Protein backbone atom coordinates (compact mmCIF):
# COMPACT_ATOMS: atom_id res chain seq x y z
CA MET A 1 60.92 37.89 86.01
CA LYS A 2 63.82 35.55 85.38
CA ILE A 3 63.07 31.83 85.49
CA ALA A 4 65.79 29.18 85.72
CA ARG A 5 65.62 25.39 85.82
CA ARG A 6 67.91 23.53 88.17
CA GLN A 7 68.77 19.89 88.67
CA THR A 8 67.78 18.28 91.99
CA ASP A 9 68.05 14.75 93.36
CA ASP A 10 64.42 14.29 92.33
CA GLY A 11 64.86 15.73 88.83
CA PRO A 12 64.59 19.18 87.26
CA ILE A 13 62.56 21.97 88.84
CA LEU A 14 61.86 25.55 87.83
CA ALA A 15 62.91 28.45 90.06
CA VAL A 16 62.50 32.22 90.02
CA LEU A 17 65.47 34.52 90.57
CA ALA A 18 65.12 36.61 93.72
CA GLU A 19 67.21 39.44 95.15
CA GLY A 20 70.67 38.42 96.30
CA ASN A 21 71.10 35.93 93.43
CA LEU A 22 68.83 33.39 95.09
CA LEU A 23 66.69 30.85 93.28
CA VAL A 24 63.25 30.12 94.76
CA ASP A 25 61.69 26.87 93.56
CA LEU A 26 58.33 26.90 91.79
CA GLU A 27 57.16 23.61 93.28
CA PRO A 28 56.09 21.30 91.79
CA VAL A 29 56.47 22.72 88.25
CA THR A 30 59.23 21.23 86.09
CA GLU A 31 58.41 22.40 82.54
CA LEU A 32 58.15 26.04 81.51
CA ALA A 33 55.81 25.34 78.58
CA VAL A 34 53.17 24.13 81.06
CA LEU A 35 53.09 27.60 82.63
CA LEU A 36 53.28 29.52 79.38
CA GLY A 37 50.08 28.11 77.92
CA ASP A 38 48.03 29.94 80.55
CA ARG A 39 48.57 33.68 80.10
CA GLY A 40 49.86 35.31 83.28
CA ARG A 41 50.40 32.05 85.14
CA VAL A 42 54.21 32.40 85.17
CA HIS A 43 53.97 35.61 87.19
CA ASP A 44 51.27 34.23 89.50
CA VAL A 45 53.21 31.05 90.31
CA ALA A 46 56.46 32.97 90.76
CA ASP A 47 54.84 35.56 93.03
CA ARG A 48 53.43 32.80 95.27
CA ALA A 49 56.80 31.08 95.43
CA LEU A 50 58.54 34.33 96.38
CA ALA A 51 56.01 34.90 99.14
CA ARG A 52 56.45 31.40 100.60
CA ARG A 53 60.18 30.81 99.89
CA LYS A 54 59.74 27.12 100.62
CA MET A 55 63.02 26.10 98.93
CA VAL A 56 65.81 28.60 98.30
CA THR A 57 69.17 27.91 96.60
CA ARG A 58 72.08 30.21 95.94
CA LEU A 59 72.49 30.77 92.21
CA ASP A 60 76.19 29.93 92.28
CA GLU A 61 75.45 26.61 94.00
CA ALA A 62 72.71 25.50 91.60
CA VAL A 63 73.26 23.00 88.78
CA LEU A 64 71.54 24.90 86.02
CA LEU A 65 69.85 23.24 83.05
CA ALA A 66 68.41 24.89 79.96
CA PRO A 67 65.40 26.86 81.26
CA LEU A 68 63.09 25.06 78.83
CA ASP A 69 62.89 22.04 76.52
CA PRO A 70 61.30 23.61 73.43
CA PRO A 71 59.03 21.29 71.45
CA THR A 72 60.24 23.00 68.25
CA PHE A 73 63.18 25.25 67.41
CA ARG A 74 63.00 27.45 64.32
CA ASP A 75 66.25 29.34 63.74
CA PHE A 76 65.89 32.43 61.55
CA SER A 77 68.30 34.77 59.78
CA THR A 78 67.63 38.38 60.72
CA PHE A 79 71.01 40.17 60.83
CA PRO A 80 72.04 41.37 57.32
CA ASP A 81 75.62 42.17 58.31
CA HIS A 82 76.10 38.59 59.50
CA THR A 83 74.59 37.18 56.33
CA GLU A 84 76.81 39.38 54.15
CA GLY A 85 79.93 38.11 55.90
CA VAL A 86 79.01 34.42 55.78
CA VAL A 87 78.17 34.34 52.07
CA LYS A 88 81.64 35.75 51.32
CA LEU A 89 83.11 32.55 52.73
CA LEU A 90 81.84 30.76 49.61
CA ASP A 91 82.00 33.69 47.18
CA PRO A 92 84.11 36.80 47.97
CA ASN A 93 81.88 38.91 45.72
CA ALA A 94 78.58 37.75 47.20
CA THR A 95 76.18 40.13 48.91
CA VAL A 96 72.91 39.75 50.81
CA SER A 97 70.36 38.23 48.44
CA PRO A 98 67.06 40.05 47.69
CA GLU A 99 65.18 37.14 49.28
CA PHE A 100 66.60 38.10 52.69
CA TRP A 101 64.36 41.19 52.65
CA GLU A 102 61.31 39.31 51.34
CA ILE A 103 60.86 36.58 53.96
CA PRO A 104 62.33 35.90 57.42
CA THR A 105 63.75 32.52 56.39
CA PHE A 106 64.42 29.80 58.95
CA TYR A 107 65.40 26.16 59.29
CA PHE A 108 64.13 23.66 61.83
CA SER A 109 66.84 22.67 64.28
CA ASN A 110 66.95 19.77 66.73
CA PRO A 111 65.12 20.25 70.07
CA TYR A 112 66.92 17.14 71.37
CA ALA A 113 70.21 19.05 71.03
CA ILE A 114 69.21 21.71 73.60
CA THR A 115 71.97 21.91 76.21
CA GLY A 116 72.40 23.70 79.52
CA PRO A 117 74.17 27.04 79.91
CA TYR A 118 77.31 25.57 81.47
CA ALA A 119 77.37 22.06 80.02
CA ASP A 120 80.32 20.60 78.14
CA VAL A 121 79.72 20.61 74.38
CA PRO A 122 81.24 17.88 72.21
CA ILE A 123 82.48 18.67 68.72
CA ALA A 124 80.19 17.15 66.11
CA PRO A 125 81.44 13.73 64.94
CA GLY A 126 83.73 14.07 61.93
CA CYS A 127 83.81 17.86 62.16
CA THR A 128 87.01 19.90 61.72
CA ASP A 129 85.41 23.37 61.53
CA PHE A 130 83.35 23.61 64.72
CA ASP A 131 81.82 27.04 65.29
CA PHE A 132 79.63 29.02 67.72
CA GLU A 133 76.72 31.35 66.89
CA LEU A 134 75.55 34.09 69.24
CA GLU A 135 71.77 34.64 69.13
CA VAL A 136 68.71 35.57 71.14
CA GLY A 137 65.58 33.44 71.13
CA ALA A 138 61.95 34.41 71.64
CA VAL A 139 59.77 31.87 73.44
CA VAL A 140 56.15 31.44 72.41
CA GLY A 141 53.65 31.83 75.25
CA THR A 142 50.18 31.10 73.90
CA ALA A 143 49.22 29.13 70.81
CA GLY A 144 48.22 30.85 67.61
CA ARG A 145 47.76 30.29 63.88
CA ASP A 146 47.97 32.61 60.84
CA LEU A 147 48.79 35.56 63.07
CA SER A 148 49.44 39.10 61.95
CA VAL A 149 52.64 40.74 63.19
CA GLU A 150 50.60 42.81 65.63
CA GLU A 151 48.78 39.76 66.95
CA ALA A 152 51.98 37.72 67.16
CA ALA A 153 53.57 40.23 69.54
CA GLU A 154 51.06 39.14 72.20
CA HIS A 155 52.11 35.50 71.79
CA ILE A 156 55.76 36.06 72.80
CA ALA A 157 56.24 35.27 76.48
CA GLY A 158 59.94 36.01 76.90
CA TYR A 159 63.49 35.59 75.73
CA VAL A 160 66.65 33.50 76.20
CA VAL A 161 70.29 33.62 75.13
CA ILE A 162 71.17 31.07 72.44
CA ASN A 163 74.51 29.69 71.31
CA ASP A 164 73.86 27.58 68.21
CA PHE A 165 76.96 25.43 67.78
CA SER A 166 77.60 24.55 64.13
CA ALA A 167 79.70 21.99 62.26
CA ARG A 168 80.59 24.18 59.31
CA ASP A 169 82.33 21.62 57.12
CA VAL A 170 79.49 19.14 57.67
CA GLN A 171 76.93 21.89 57.00
CA PHE A 172 78.46 23.08 53.73
CA HIS A 173 78.90 19.50 52.51
CA GLU A 174 75.26 18.55 53.08
CA MET A 175 73.91 21.84 51.69
CA ARG A 176 75.30 20.98 48.26
CA LEU A 177 72.18 18.83 48.01
CA ARG A 178 70.06 22.02 48.30
CA LEU A 179 68.64 20.86 51.62
CA GLY A 180 69.54 21.62 55.18
CA PRO A 181 71.33 22.69 57.18
CA ALA A 182 70.60 19.55 59.15
CA LYS A 183 73.35 17.40 60.66
CA GLY A 184 75.63 20.46 60.64
CA LYS A 185 73.37 21.98 63.32
CA ASP A 186 72.49 18.79 65.16
CA THR A 187 74.98 18.46 68.01
CA ALA A 188 74.35 21.23 70.57
CA THR A 189 72.35 24.41 71.06
CA THR A 190 72.97 25.93 74.47
CA LEU A 191 70.43 28.18 76.16
CA GLY A 192 71.23 30.86 78.72
CA GLN A 193 70.58 30.30 82.40
CA PHE A 194 67.33 32.33 82.41
CA PHE A 195 64.05 32.61 80.61
CA VAL A 196 63.36 36.34 80.94
CA THR A 197 59.73 37.44 80.73
CA ALA A 198 58.92 39.98 78.02
CA ASP A 199 58.00 42.73 80.48
CA GLU A 200 61.60 42.80 81.75
CA LEU A 201 62.73 44.24 78.39
CA LEU A 202 60.17 47.01 77.98
CA SER A 203 62.58 49.71 79.16
CA ARG A 204 65.15 48.55 76.59
CA ALA A 205 62.83 48.75 73.59
CA SER A 206 64.50 50.07 70.43
CA GLY A 207 62.09 50.20 67.51
CA PRO A 208 60.51 46.73 67.31
CA SER A 209 63.58 45.17 68.95
CA PHE A 210 65.73 45.89 72.01
CA ASP A 211 68.92 47.80 72.77
CA LEU A 212 70.83 44.89 74.28
CA ARG A 213 74.57 44.43 73.90
CA MET A 214 75.55 40.95 72.70
CA ALA A 215 79.08 39.58 72.98
CA VAL A 216 80.92 36.28 72.50
CA ALA A 217 84.37 35.36 73.81
CA VAL A 218 86.66 32.37 73.35
CA ASN A 219 88.98 31.60 76.27
CA GLY A 220 88.25 35.04 77.73
CA GLU A 221 89.04 36.99 74.54
CA THR A 222 86.14 38.88 72.96
CA VAL A 223 85.65 37.71 69.39
CA GLY A 224 82.52 39.59 68.38
CA GLU A 225 79.85 41.95 69.66
CA ASP A 226 76.72 43.63 68.38
CA THR A 227 73.36 44.94 69.59
CA LEU A 228 70.08 43.11 69.21
CA ASP A 229 68.34 46.06 67.55
CA HIS A 230 70.50 45.54 64.45
CA MET A 231 68.17 42.69 63.47
CA ALA A 232 66.18 43.50 60.32
CA TRP A 233 63.17 41.32 61.18
CA SER A 234 61.41 41.73 64.54
CA PHE A 235 60.51 38.84 66.83
CA PRO A 236 56.77 39.43 66.23
CA ALA A 237 57.49 39.14 62.50
CA LEU A 238 59.27 35.82 63.13
CA ALA A 239 56.34 34.54 65.17
CA ALA A 240 53.83 35.65 62.53
CA TYR A 241 55.79 33.94 59.74
CA ALA A 242 56.22 30.78 61.82
CA SER A 243 52.43 30.68 62.38
CA ARG A 244 51.56 31.01 58.69
CA GLY A 245 49.53 27.97 57.67
CA THR A 246 50.28 26.17 60.93
CA GLU A 247 50.39 26.63 64.70
CA ILE A 248 52.93 27.98 67.09
CA ARG A 249 52.55 26.54 70.57
CA PRO A 250 53.73 27.25 74.13
CA GLY A 251 57.47 26.77 74.51
CA ASP A 252 58.31 26.97 70.80
CA LEU A 253 61.69 28.66 70.35
CA LEU A 254 62.29 31.26 67.62
CA GLY A 255 65.98 32.09 67.16
CA SER A 256 67.10 35.49 65.91
CA GLY A 257 69.94 33.98 63.93
CA THR A 258 73.51 35.05 64.48
CA CYS A 259 74.34 38.70 65.13
CA ARG A 260 77.10 40.60 63.36
CA SER A 261 80.55 39.10 64.15
CA GLY A 262 78.80 36.46 66.25
CA CYS A 263 80.45 33.41 64.65
CA LEU A 264 83.72 32.25 63.13
CA ALA A 265 82.26 31.59 59.67
CA GLU A 266 81.45 35.28 59.27
CA LEU A 267 84.95 36.28 60.37
CA TRP A 268 86.44 33.74 57.96
CA GLY A 269 84.33 35.19 55.15
CA ARG A 270 85.40 38.74 55.87
CA HIS A 271 89.04 38.29 56.87
CA GLY A 272 90.17 34.85 55.67
CA ARG A 273 90.46 31.46 57.31
CA ASP A 274 93.61 32.40 59.22
CA VAL A 275 91.92 35.12 61.30
CA ARG A 276 90.87 32.62 64.00
CA PRO A 277 91.02 28.84 64.31
CA ALA A 278 87.97 26.62 64.58
CA LEU A 279 86.97 25.50 68.06
CA ARG A 280 89.07 22.74 69.60
CA PRO A 281 88.73 20.59 72.75
CA GLY A 282 89.52 22.69 75.83
CA ASP A 283 88.23 25.97 74.38
CA VAL A 284 85.62 27.79 76.47
CA VAL A 285 82.98 29.78 74.60
CA THR A 286 81.12 32.44 76.61
CA THR A 287 78.18 34.47 75.33
CA THR A 288 76.57 37.38 77.14
CA VAL A 289 73.48 39.45 76.40
CA ASP A 290 72.41 42.41 78.53
CA VAL A 291 69.53 41.56 80.91
CA LEU A 292 69.15 38.04 79.50
CA GLY A 293 72.31 36.46 80.94
CA GLU A 294 74.98 34.17 79.54
CA THR A 295 76.20 30.76 78.44
CA SER A 296 79.69 29.40 79.03
CA ASN A 297 80.58 26.02 77.55
CA ARG A 298 83.77 23.99 77.41
CA ILE A 299 84.40 22.20 74.13
CA VAL A 300 85.24 18.50 74.41
CA GLU A 301 86.23 15.68 72.07
CA ALA A 302 83.85 14.42 69.42
CA ALA A 303 82.38 10.95 69.37
CA ALA A 304 83.85 8.62 66.77
CA VAL A 305 82.25 8.52 63.33
CA ARG A 306 80.46 5.28 62.54
CA PRO A 307 80.63 4.70 58.75
CA ILE A 308 77.36 4.84 56.80
CA ARG A 309 77.32 3.86 53.13
CA ALA A 310 74.66 3.77 50.44
CA TRP A 311 73.71 0.18 49.58
CA ARG A 312 73.52 1.18 45.92
CA GLN A 313 76.26 3.12 44.18
CA ALA A 314 76.17 5.43 41.17
């Protein structure tokens, strides 16, 4: 099933996609994580809504929000080709480090920055190198702790498209302190219009991943494309690592990290800074992933930078 969340006069509400590109409301549910904590409840609630069809809206007339507000967002790095290209931006001779193959590393991103699939996205304040990142996210269904990879597979409820917007100059500046990325990833992360239940992808299985074409375009021109099964770490592996020594809970979002050629920083690392400009106000970034859907966001002006200074100086 494909679950969307749309804005109404009374606030957000979840809806299931029906034939004919119609959205059928799942009254009175407004938060996906509430359904995910009870295994099988998403399908039960959606089936009842489809049978009753109490409130139906055409998809192209709906104001779509992000399908979920994840309580946490861990963004991993699982595509070696992407990593190889990005590290060349700082060192032309750099290659993928051995640690990439030892642990599925991640950083915590900002759940407050989650943005709808068609919302305007402001450039990060003070940023001159604003970038996109094409990813897929797994959504945790049931809670778990210290899971094996095999166990973790049963805790993944479904998937969403992710575009992780990044302030590259801000990111590289702050990472000189050996922390982060933090503020460089803090402005906007857009999610696709649908949460797609895991069973929808069974026919597209490819090893432990899925044979899904991923593509990103700027102003209608394709900039990069890849397939999801090029990831080196599986989503169950990400969930197992995330659960090590702690809990994963319903609605937690686990990002795949950027696919090959899925961002400007990688292209800059491989081909030089002149290959494509950074994002500017008026640009429209569109991502698409087979079965899962899309995002399409217009870039707008940044907010002004308010100066912040240390009260003690070196």
